[in-house]
Amino acid sequence: MPRNPILTTRTLLVCAAIGVATGIVGGIAGVATPVVLATAPFLYGLVLGAHVLPGIIAQEVLRLPLVAILTHVLAALVSSAFNPAWTMRFIGTALLFGAIQEGVAALTRYRAWGAWRFFISAVAIGALVAVVVFFVAHLGTLAPWAQIAYLALSVAGPVAWTALGLGVGTSLRRAGVARHATRR
């Protein structure tokens, strides 16, 4: 008996559509990044958090393995059109965020799709990014209040964008986007 592939043509097309839409959001975030870093670096976590959207929306809509990482990479390629010099940053972020989201889903064997699961990946992404960027960008030179704000917003950013992504994903799923694209 032939086996149904996980990534059907319909699934790939849904991932591509989500990737383009969220890639535009990521591109805008990329354009805003230098301005935010120059004027209010403690807000960077809110801006960077936008990059969680591709995987969150794809997983909420399709509920399949590999859709988060695939959609993240497609979104990174679209984001790169906004700032080609940052192509490798966009792709690196896509691979990191997609791997974390896929990893959390894999831990539940792709069977638990409650909002809690998405928020676990958001907090993990936020915490990891908060610590890495804090040291790489020398944010320790900021005033103590700005350091605390940066750390808090770096975790809150991905969590807030995840809530938005879940809302979009749920709406797309209810609209029938996932019909016949997911396993039965």
N, C-alpha and C. Protein backbone atom coordinates (compact mmCIF):
# COMPACT_ATOMS: atom_id res chain seq x y z
N MET A 1 0.85 -1.17 0.00
CA MET A 1 0.00 0.00 0.00
C MET A 1 0.90 1.24 0.00
N PRO A 2 0.67 2.21 -0.89
CA PRO A 2 1.50 3.40 -0.93
C PRO A 2 1.30 4.25 0.33
N ARG A 3 2.39 4.84 0.74
CA ARG A 3 2.37 5.66 1.95
C ARG A 3 2.14 7.12 1.58
N ASN A 4 1.29 7.81 2.32
CA ASN A 4 1.05 9.23 2.08
C ASN A 4 2.23 10.04 2.59
N PRO A 5 2.76 10.91 1.76
CA PRO A 5 3.87 11.74 2.22
C PRO A 5 3.40 12.77 3.24
N ILE A 6 4.26 13.13 4.16
CA ILE A 6 3.92 14.15 5.16
C ILE A 6 3.78 15.51 4.49
N LEU A 7 4.72 15.81 3.62
CA LEU A 7 4.72 17.12 2.95
C LEU A 7 4.11 17.00 1.57
N THR A 8 2.80 17.01 1.53
CA THR A 8 2.09 16.96 0.26
C THR A 8 2.22 18.31 -0.45
N THR A 9 1.81 18.34 -1.69
CA THR A 9 1.85 19.59 -2.44
C THR A 9 1.01 20.65 -1.76
N ARG A 10 -0.14 20.28 -1.28
CA ARG A 10 -1.01 21.24 -0.59
C ARG A 10 -0.34 21.78 0.68
N THR A 11 0.31 20.89 1.42
CA THR A 11 1.02 21.30 2.63
C THR A 11 2.14 22.27 2.28
N LEU A 12 2.89 21.96 1.23
CA LEU A 12 3.98 22.84 0.80
C LEU A 12 3.45 24.21 0.37
N LEU A 13 2.33 24.22 -0.31
CA LEU A 13 1.75 25.49 -0.73
C LEU A 13 1.26 26.32 0.45
N VAL A 14 0.68 25.66 1.44
CA VAL A 14 0.24 26.38 2.64
C VAL A 14 1.46 26.94 3.37
N CYS A 15 2.52 26.14 3.49
CA CYS A 15 3.75 26.63 4.12
C CYS A 15 4.33 27.82 3.35
N ALA A 16 4.29 27.74 2.03
CA ALA A 16 4.81 28.84 1.21
C ALA A 16 4.00 30.11 1.41
N ALA A 17 2.69 29.99 1.45
CA ALA A 17 1.84 31.18 1.65
C ALA A 17 2.09 31.80 3.02
N ILE A 18 2.17 30.97 4.05
CA ILE A 18 2.46 31.47 5.39
C ILE A 18 3.86 32.07 5.42
N GLY A 19 4.80 31.43 4.76
CA GLY A 19 6.17 31.92 4.71
C GLY A 19 6.28 33.29 4.06
N VAL A 20 5.55 33.50 2.98
CA VAL A 20 5.58 34.81 2.31
C VAL A 20 4.98 35.88 3.22
N ALA A 21 3.82 35.61 3.78
CA ALA A 21 3.16 36.61 4.63
C ALA A 21 4.00 36.95 5.86
N THR A 22 4.51 35.93 6.53
CA THR A 22 5.31 36.19 7.73
C THR A 22 6.71 36.68 7.37
N GLY A 23 7.18 36.35 6.19
CA GLY A 23 8.47 36.88 5.73
C GLY A 23 8.42 38.38 5.53
N ILE A 24 7.28 38.87 5.10
CA ILE A 24 7.11 40.33 4.97
C ILE A 24 7.17 40.98 6.35
N VAL A 25 6.50 40.36 7.31
CA VAL A 25 6.55 40.88 8.69
C VAL A 25 7.99 40.85 9.21
N GLY A 26 8.68 39.73 8.96
CA GLY A 26 10.08 39.61 9.38
C GLY A 26 10.98 40.62 8.68
N GLY A 27 10.71 40.89 7.42
CA GLY A 27 11.48 41.89 6.69
C GLY A 27 11.30 43.28 7.27
N ILE A 28 10.07 43.60 7.62
CA ILE A 28 9.79 44.90 8.25
C ILE A 28 10.50 44.97 9.61
N ALA A 29 10.47 43.87 10.36
CA ALA A 29 11.19 43.83 11.65
C ALA A 29 12.68 44.02 11.43
N GLY A 30 13.21 43.42 10.36
CA GLY A 30 14.62 43.58 10.04
C GLY A 30 14.98 45.01 9.70
N VAL A 31 14.10 45.69 8.99
CA VAL A 31 14.33 47.10 8.65
C VAL A 31 14.27 47.96 9.92
N ALA A 32 13.38 47.60 10.84
CA ALA A 32 13.23 48.37 12.08
C ALA A 32 14.37 48.12 13.07
N THR A 33 15.05 46.99 12.95
CA THR A 33 16.07 46.60 13.93
C THR A 33 17.16 47.66 14.14
N PRO A 34 17.81 48.18 13.09
CA PRO A 34 18.86 49.18 13.35
C PRO A 34 18.34 50.43 14.06
N VAL A 35 17.13 50.83 13.72
CA VAL A 35 16.54 52.00 14.36
C VAL A 35 16.30 51.71 15.84
N VAL A 36 15.75 50.55 16.14
CA VAL A 36 15.47 50.17 17.53
C VAL A 36 16.78 50.06 18.31
N LEU A 37 17.78 49.41 17.73
CA LEU A 37 19.05 49.25 18.43
C LEU A 37 19.75 50.58 18.68
N ALA A 38 19.56 51.53 17.79
CA ALA A 38 20.20 52.84 17.94
C ALA A 38 19.45 53.75 18.92
N THR A 39 18.14 53.57 19.01
CA THR A 39 17.34 54.50 19.83
C THR A 39 16.84 53.89 21.14
N ALA A 40 16.41 52.65 21.11
CA ALA A 40 15.85 52.00 22.31
C ALA A 40 16.18 50.52 22.30
N PRO A 41 17.45 50.16 22.53
CA PRO A 41 17.87 48.75 22.40
C PRO A 41 17.13 47.79 23.33
N PHE A 42 16.57 48.30 24.42
CA PHE A 42 15.84 47.41 25.33
C PHE A 42 14.55 46.88 24.70
N LEU A 43 14.11 47.46 23.58
CA LEU A 43 12.91 47.00 22.87
C LEU A 43 13.21 45.93 21.82
N TYR A 44 14.47 45.58 21.66
CA TYR A 44 14.87 44.66 20.59
C TYR A 44 14.16 43.31 20.67
N GLY A 45 13.92 42.81 21.86
CA GLY A 45 13.24 41.52 22.01
C GLY A 45 11.84 41.51 21.43
N LEU A 46 11.16 42.65 21.51
CA LEU A 46 9.82 42.75 20.90
C LEU A 46 9.90 42.64 19.39
N VAL A 47 10.92 43.30 18.82
CA VAL A 47 11.10 43.28 17.37
C VAL A 47 11.52 41.89 16.90
N LEU A 48 12.50 41.31 17.57
CA LEU A 48 13.01 40.00 17.19
C LEU A 48 11.95 38.92 17.36
N GLY A 49 11.05 39.11 18.31
CA GLY A 49 9.99 38.14 18.55
C GLY A 49 9.09 37.90 17.36
N ALA A 50 9.04 38.85 16.43
CA ALA A 50 8.21 38.69 15.23
C ALA A 50 8.62 37.47 14.42
N HIS A 51 9.86 37.06 14.56
CA HIS A 51 10.37 35.94 13.76
C HIS A 51 9.86 34.58 14.24
N VAL A 52 9.06 34.52 15.30
CA VAL A 52 8.47 33.24 15.71
C VAL A 52 7.22 32.92 14.90
N LEU A 53 6.66 33.91 14.24
CA LEU A 53 5.37 33.74 13.56
C LEU A 53 5.31 32.60 12.54
N PRO A 54 6.29 32.43 11.65
CA PRO A 54 6.12 31.39 10.62
C PRO A 54 5.83 30.00 11.18
N GLY A 55 6.64 29.58 12.14
CA GLY A 55 6.46 28.24 12.70
C GLY A 55 5.20 28.09 13.51
N ILE A 56 4.86 29.12 14.27
CA ILE A 56 3.65 29.07 15.11
C ILE A 56 2.42 28.92 14.23
N ILE A 57 2.32 29.77 13.22
CA ILE A 57 1.14 29.73 12.35
C ILE A 57 1.10 28.40 11.59
N ALA A 58 2.23 27.98 11.03
CA ALA A 58 2.25 26.72 10.26
C ALA A 58 1.88 25.53 11.13
N GLN A 59 2.42 25.47 12.34
CA GLN A 59 2.09 24.33 13.21
C GLN A 59 0.64 24.37 13.68
N GLU A 60 0.13 25.55 13.95
CA GLU A 60 -1.26 25.65 14.39
C GLU A 60 -2.21 25.26 13.26
N VAL A 61 -1.88 25.66 12.04
CA VAL A 61 -2.75 25.36 10.91
C VAL A 61 -2.63 23.89 10.51
N LEU A 62 -1.41 23.40 10.33
CA LEU A 62 -1.20 22.08 9.72
C LEU A 62 -1.01 20.94 10.71
N ARG A 63 -0.41 21.24 11.86
CA ARG A 63 -0.18 20.23 12.89
C ARG A 63 0.54 18.99 12.34
N LEU A 64 1.65 19.26 11.67
CA LEU A 64 2.47 18.22 11.05
C LEU A 64 3.94 18.43 11.38
N PRO A 65 4.74 17.36 11.32
CA PRO A 65 6.18 17.52 11.48
C PRO A 65 6.78 18.33 10.32
N LEU A 66 7.83 19.02 10.60
CA LEU A 66 8.66 19.75 9.64
C LEU A 66 8.07 21.04 9.09
N VAL A 67 6.80 21.33 9.35
CA VAL A 67 6.21 22.53 8.76
C VAL A 67 6.76 23.81 9.39
N ALA A 68 7.15 23.77 10.66
CA ALA A 68 7.70 24.97 11.29
C ALA A 68 9.03 25.35 10.66
N ILE A 69 9.92 24.41 10.55
CA ILE A 69 11.25 24.73 10.01
C ILE A 69 11.18 25.10 8.53
N LEU A 70 10.35 24.39 7.78
CA LEU A 70 10.19 24.71 6.36
C LEU A 70 9.63 26.12 6.18
N THR A 71 8.60 26.45 6.92
CA THR A 71 7.98 27.77 6.80
C THR A 71 8.93 28.86 7.27
N HIS A 72 9.70 28.58 8.30
CA HIS A 72 10.69 29.55 8.78
C HIS A 72 11.72 29.86 7.69
N VAL A 73 12.22 28.84 7.02
CA VAL A 73 13.23 29.06 5.98
C VAL A 73 12.63 29.85 4.82
N LEU A 74 11.43 29.51 4.42
CA LEU A 74 10.77 30.27 3.34
C LEU A 74 10.57 31.73 3.75
N ALA A 75 10.15 31.95 5.00
CA ALA A 75 9.97 33.32 5.48
C ALA A 75 11.30 34.07 5.51
N ALA A 76 12.38 33.38 5.88
CA ALA A 76 13.70 34.02 5.92
C ALA A 76 14.13 34.47 4.53
N LEU A 77 13.82 33.66 3.53
CA LEU A 77 14.17 34.05 2.16
C LEU A 77 13.39 35.29 1.72
N VAL A 78 12.13 35.37 2.11
CA VAL A 78 11.33 36.56 1.78
C VAL A 78 11.86 37.76 2.56
N SER A 79 12.16 37.58 3.83
CA SER A 79 12.70 38.68 4.65
C SER A 79 14.01 39.21 4.07
N SER A 80 14.78 38.32 3.48
CA SER A 80 16.06 38.72 2.90
C SER A 80 15.91 39.72 1.77
N ALA A 81 14.77 39.75 1.14
CA ALA A 81 14.54 40.72 0.07
C ALA A 81 14.52 42.15 0.62
N PHE A 82 14.17 42.29 1.89
CA PHE A 82 14.14 43.61 2.51
C PHE A 82 15.54 44.11 2.86
N ASN A 83 16.42 43.18 3.21
CA ASN A 83 17.79 43.54 3.57
C ASN A 83 18.70 42.37 3.19
N PRO A 84 19.14 42.31 1.92
CA PRO A 84 19.97 41.18 1.47
C PRO A 84 21.25 40.98 2.27
N ALA A 85 21.77 42.04 2.86
CA ALA A 85 23.00 41.90 3.65
C ALA A 85 22.77 41.03 4.88
N TRP A 86 21.53 40.90 5.33
CA TRP A 86 21.21 40.12 6.51
C TRP A 86 20.67 38.73 6.18
N THR A 87 20.87 38.27 4.97
CA THR A 87 20.33 36.98 4.56
C THR A 87 20.73 35.86 5.52
N MET A 88 22.01 35.80 5.86
CA MET A 88 22.46 34.72 6.74
C MET A 88 21.90 34.87 8.16
N ARG A 89 21.67 36.09 8.61
CA ARG A 89 21.04 36.30 9.93
C ARG A 89 19.60 35.80 9.91
N PHE A 90 18.90 36.14 8.83
CA PHE A 90 17.51 35.69 8.72
C PHE A 90 17.44 34.17 8.67
N ILE A 91 18.32 33.56 7.88
CA ILE A 91 18.30 32.10 7.76
C ILE A 91 18.72 31.44 9.07
N GLY A 92 19.74 31.98 9.73
CA GLY A 92 20.17 31.45 11.02
C GLY A 92 19.07 31.52 12.06
N THR A 93 18.39 32.67 12.11
CA THR A 93 17.27 32.83 13.04
C THR A 93 16.16 31.84 12.70
N ALA A 94 15.89 31.68 11.42
CA ALA A 94 14.84 30.74 10.98
C ALA A 94 15.17 29.31 11.42
N LEU A 95 16.41 28.91 11.21
CA LEU A 95 16.80 27.55 11.59
C LEU A 95 16.75 27.35 13.10
N LEU A 96 17.20 28.36 13.86
CA LEU A 96 17.18 28.25 15.32
C LEU A 96 15.74 28.21 15.84
N PHE A 97 14.93 29.18 15.44
CA PHE A 97 13.56 29.24 15.94
C PHE A 97 12.75 28.03 15.46
N GLY A 98 12.93 27.65 14.20
CA GLY A 98 12.21 26.49 13.66
C GLY A 98 12.61 25.21 14.37
N ALA A 99 13.91 25.06 14.67
CA ALA A 99 14.38 23.86 15.36
C ALA A 99 13.81 23.79 16.78
N ILE A 100 13.75 24.91 17.46
CA ILE A 100 13.18 24.92 18.81
C ILE A 100 11.70 24.56 18.75
N GLN A 101 10.96 25.16 17.82
CA GLN A 101 9.53 24.86 17.70
C GLN A 101 9.30 23.40 17.30
N GLU A 102 10.10 22.89 16.37
CA GLU A 102 9.98 21.47 15.99
C GLU A 102 10.37 20.57 17.15
N GLY A 103 11.40 20.97 17.90
CA GLY A 103 11.85 20.16 19.03
C GLY A 103 10.78 20.01 20.10
N VAL A 104 10.13 21.11 20.43
CA VAL A 104 9.05 21.05 21.43
C VAL A 104 7.92 20.18 20.90
N ALA A 105 7.57 20.32 19.63
CA ALA A 105 6.51 19.49 19.05
C ALA A 105 6.92 18.02 19.03
N ALA A 106 8.19 17.76 18.74
CA ALA A 106 8.67 16.38 18.69
C ALA A 106 8.64 15.73 20.08
N LEU A 107 8.90 16.53 21.11
CA LEU A 107 8.84 15.99 22.47
C LEU A 107 7.44 15.47 22.80
N THR A 108 6.44 16.05 22.19
CA THR A 108 5.07 15.58 22.41
C THR A 108 4.64 14.63 21.29
N ARG A 109 5.62 14.22 20.48
CA ARG A 109 5.40 13.29 19.36
C ARG A 109 4.37 13.82 18.38
N TYR A 110 4.33 15.16 18.25
CA TYR A 110 3.42 15.83 17.33
C TYR A 110 1.96 15.46 17.58
N ARG A 111 1.63 15.26 18.87
CA ARG A 111 0.26 14.89 19.23
C ARG A 111 -0.42 15.92 20.12
N ALA A 112 0.35 16.75 20.81
CA ALA A 112 -0.22 17.76 21.71
C ALA A 112 -0.15 19.12 21.02
N TRP A 113 -1.30 19.72 20.78
CA TRP A 113 -1.34 20.99 20.05
C TRP A 113 -2.00 22.09 20.86
N GLY A 114 -2.02 21.93 22.18
CA GLY A 114 -2.58 22.98 23.03
C GLY A 114 -1.70 24.22 23.01
N ALA A 115 -2.31 25.33 23.37
CA ALA A 115 -1.58 26.61 23.37
C ALA A 115 -0.35 26.55 24.28
N TRP A 116 -0.42 25.81 25.35
CA TRP A 116 0.70 25.70 26.29
C TRP A 116 1.98 25.27 25.59
N ARG A 117 1.84 24.36 24.63
CA ARG A 117 3.01 23.83 23.93
C ARG A 117 3.69 24.93 23.12
N PHE A 118 2.89 25.78 22.48
CA PHE A 118 3.44 26.88 21.71
C PHE A 118 4.13 27.90 22.61
N PHE A 119 3.55 28.14 23.78
CA PHE A 119 4.13 29.10 24.70
C PHE A 119 5.42 28.59 25.34
N ILE A 120 5.55 27.28 25.48
CA ILE A 120 6.82 26.72 25.96
C ILE A 120 7.93 27.05 24.97
N SER A 121 7.67 26.85 23.68
CA SER A 121 8.70 27.17 22.69
C SER A 121 8.97 28.67 22.66
N ALA A 122 7.95 29.50 22.86
CA ALA A 122 8.14 30.95 22.86
C ALA A 122 9.03 31.39 24.01
N VAL A 123 8.80 30.83 25.19
CA VAL A 123 9.63 31.19 26.35
C VAL A 123 11.06 30.69 26.14
N ALA A 124 11.21 29.49 25.60
CA ALA A 124 12.56 28.96 25.33
C ALA A 124 13.30 29.85 24.33
N ILE A 125 12.63 30.25 23.28
CA ILE A 125 13.24 31.14 22.29
C ILE A 125 13.60 32.48 22.93
N GLY A 126 12.65 33.05 23.67
CA GLY A 126 12.89 34.34 24.31
C GLY A 126 14.05 34.30 25.28
N ALA A 127 14.12 33.28 26.10
CA ALA A 127 15.20 33.17 27.08
C ALA A 127 16.55 33.00 26.40
N LEU A 128 16.61 32.14 25.41
CA LEU A 128 17.86 31.92 24.69
C LEU A 128 18.33 33.19 24.00
N VAL A 129 17.45 33.83 23.29
CA VAL A 129 17.80 35.06 22.58
C VAL A 129 18.18 36.16 23.56
N ALA A 130 17.47 36.26 24.66
CA ALA A 130 17.76 37.30 25.66
C ALA A 130 19.19 37.19 26.17
N VAL A 131 19.60 36.00 26.50
CA VAL A 131 20.94 35.80 27.04
C VAL A 131 22.01 36.03 25.97
N VAL A 132 21.82 35.44 24.80
CA VAL A 132 22.82 35.57 23.74
C VAL A 132 22.98 37.02 23.31
N VAL A 133 21.89 37.69 22.99
CA VAL A 133 21.96 39.08 22.53
C VAL A 133 22.49 39.99 23.62
N PHE A 134 22.15 39.71 24.85
CA PHE A 134 22.63 40.54 25.97
C PHE A 134 24.15 40.63 25.95
N PHE A 135 24.81 39.48 25.75
CA PHE A 135 26.27 39.47 25.77
C PHE A 135 26.87 39.91 24.44
N VAL A 136 26.30 39.47 23.34
CA VAL A 136 26.84 39.80 22.02
C VAL A 136 26.73 41.30 21.75
N ALA A 137 25.62 41.89 22.11
CA ALA A 137 25.39 43.32 21.84
C ALA A 137 25.87 44.22 22.98
N HIS A 138 26.53 43.64 23.97
CA HIS A 138 27.08 44.42 25.09
C HIS A 138 26.01 45.26 25.78
N LEU A 139 24.85 44.67 25.99
CA LEU A 139 23.76 45.40 26.63
C LEU A 139 24.00 45.60 28.12
N GLY A 140 25.06 44.99 28.64
CA GLY A 140 25.43 45.21 30.03
C GLY A 140 25.87 46.65 30.29
N THR A 141 26.13 47.40 29.22
CA THR A 141 26.52 48.80 29.37
C THR A 141 25.30 49.72 29.55
N LEU A 142 24.11 49.18 29.38
CA LEU A 142 22.90 49.98 29.57
C LEU A 142 22.63 50.20 31.05
N ALA A 143 21.78 51.16 31.33
CA ALA A 143 21.35 51.41 32.71
C ALA A 143 20.64 50.15 33.24
N PRO A 144 20.70 49.92 34.54
CA PRO A 144 20.06 48.71 35.10
C PRO A 144 18.59 48.57 34.71
N TRP A 145 17.82 49.66 34.70
CA TRP A 145 16.41 49.57 34.33
C TRP A 145 16.26 49.10 32.88
N ALA A 146 17.16 49.54 32.00
CA ALA A 146 17.09 49.14 30.59
C ALA A 146 17.49 47.67 30.43
N GLN A 147 18.43 47.20 31.23
CA GLN A 147 18.82 45.79 31.19
C GLN A 147 17.65 44.90 31.61
N ILE A 148 16.99 45.29 32.68
CA ILE A 148 15.84 44.52 33.17
C ILE A 148 14.71 44.56 32.13
N ALA A 149 14.46 45.73 31.58
CA ALA A 149 13.42 45.86 30.55
C ALA A 149 13.76 45.01 29.34
N TYR A 150 15.03 45.02 28.94
CA TYR A 150 15.45 44.22 27.79
C TYR A 150 15.18 42.73 28.06
N LEU A 151 15.63 42.23 29.20
CA LEU A 151 15.45 40.81 29.51
C LEU A 151 13.96 40.44 29.57
N ALA A 152 13.16 41.28 30.20
CA ALA A 152 11.73 40.99 30.30
C ALA A 152 11.05 41.03 28.93
N LEU A 153 11.38 42.04 28.14
CA LEU A 153 10.75 42.17 26.82
C LEU A 153 11.25 41.14 25.83
N SER A 154 12.47 40.62 26.03
CA SER A 154 12.98 39.58 25.15
C SER A 154 12.22 38.28 25.31
N VAL A 155 11.71 38.03 26.50
CA VAL A 155 10.88 36.85 26.71
C VAL A 155 9.43 37.17 26.36
N ALA A 156 8.97 38.36 26.73
CA ALA A 156 7.59 38.74 26.45
C ALA A 156 7.33 38.90 24.96
N GLY A 157 8.33 39.34 24.20
CA GLY A 157 8.16 39.55 22.76
C GLY A 157 7.72 38.28 22.03
N PRO A 158 8.52 37.20 22.11
CA PRO A 158 8.10 35.97 21.45
C PRO A 158 6.76 35.42 21.99
N VAL A 159 6.50 35.63 23.27
CA VAL A 159 5.23 35.16 23.84
C VAL A 159 4.06 35.94 23.22
N ALA A 160 4.21 37.26 23.11
CA ALA A 160 3.14 38.08 22.52
C ALA A 160 2.95 37.73 21.04
N TRP A 161 4.05 37.59 20.30
CA TRP A 161 3.94 37.24 18.88
C TRP A 161 3.36 35.83 18.71
N THR A 162 3.65 34.94 19.66
CA THR A 162 3.07 33.59 19.62
C THR A 162 1.56 33.66 19.80
N ALA A 163 1.09 34.48 20.73
CA ALA A 163 -0.35 34.64 20.92
C ALA A 163 -1.00 35.15 19.64
N LEU A 164 -0.37 36.12 18.99
CA LEU A 164 -0.89 36.63 17.73
C LEU A 164 -0.89 35.53 16.66
N GLY A 165 0.21 34.79 16.58
CA GLY A 165 0.32 33.71 15.60
C GLY A 165 -0.71 32.61 15.82
N LEU A 166 -0.98 32.29 17.08
CA LEU A 166 -2.01 31.29 17.37
C LEU A 166 -3.39 31.77 16.92
N GLY A 167 -3.64 33.06 17.12
CA GLY A 167 -4.92 33.62 16.66
C GLY A 167 -5.06 33.53 15.15
N VAL A 168 -4.00 33.88 14.44
CA VAL A 168 -4.02 33.80 12.97
C VAL A 168 -4.15 32.35 12.53
N GLY A 169 -3.36 31.48 13.13
CA GLY A 169 -3.40 30.06 12.77
C GLY A 169 -4.75 29.42 13.02
N THR A 170 -5.35 29.75 14.16
CA THR A 170 -6.68 29.22 14.48
C THR A 170 -7.71 29.70 13.47
N SER A 171 -7.62 30.97 13.09
CA SER A 171 -8.56 31.52 12.10
C SER A 171 -8.38 30.83 10.75
N LEU A 172 -7.14 30.61 10.35
CA LEU A 172 -6.89 29.93 9.07
C LEU A 172 -7.39 28.49 9.11
N ARG A 173 -7.19 27.84 10.22
CA ARG A 173 -7.66 26.45 10.37
C ARG A 173 -9.18 26.38 10.29
N ARG A 174 -9.85 27.31 10.98
CA ARG A 174 -11.32 27.35 10.94
C ARG A 174 -11.83 27.68 9.54
N ALA A 175 -11.05 28.45 8.79
CA ALA A 175 -11.45 28.82 7.43
C ALA A 175 -11.26 27.66 6.45
N GLY A 176 -10.65 26.58 6.91
CA GLY A 176 -10.51 25.40 6.06
C GLY A 176 -9.19 25.29 5.33
N VAL A 177 -8.22 26.10 5.68
CA VAL A 177 -6.92 26.06 5.00
C VAL A 177 -6.27 24.69 5.18
N ALA A 178 -6.45 24.07 6.32
CA ALA A 178 -5.80 22.80 6.60
C ALA A 178 -6.55 21.60 6.06
N ARG A 179 -7.74 21.82 5.55
CA ARG A 179 -8.55 20.70 5.07
C ARG A 179 -7.77 19.87 4.05
N HIS A 180 -7.62 18.60 4.30
CA HIS A 180 -6.93 17.65 3.45
C HIS A 180 -5.43 17.87 3.40
N ALA A 181 -4.90 18.82 4.14
CA ALA A 181 -3.46 19.02 4.16
C ALA A 181 -2.83 18.30 5.34
N THR A 182 -3.65 17.93 6.32
CA THR A 182 -3.12 17.28 7.51
C THR A 182 -3.44 15.80 7.47
N ARG A 183 -2.74 15.07 8.34
CA ARG A 183 -3.00 13.64 8.44
C ARG A 183 -4.39 13.39 9.01
N ARG A 184 -4.97 12.31 8.64
CA ARG A 184 -6.30 11.97 9.15
C ARG A 184 -6.21 11.08 10.34
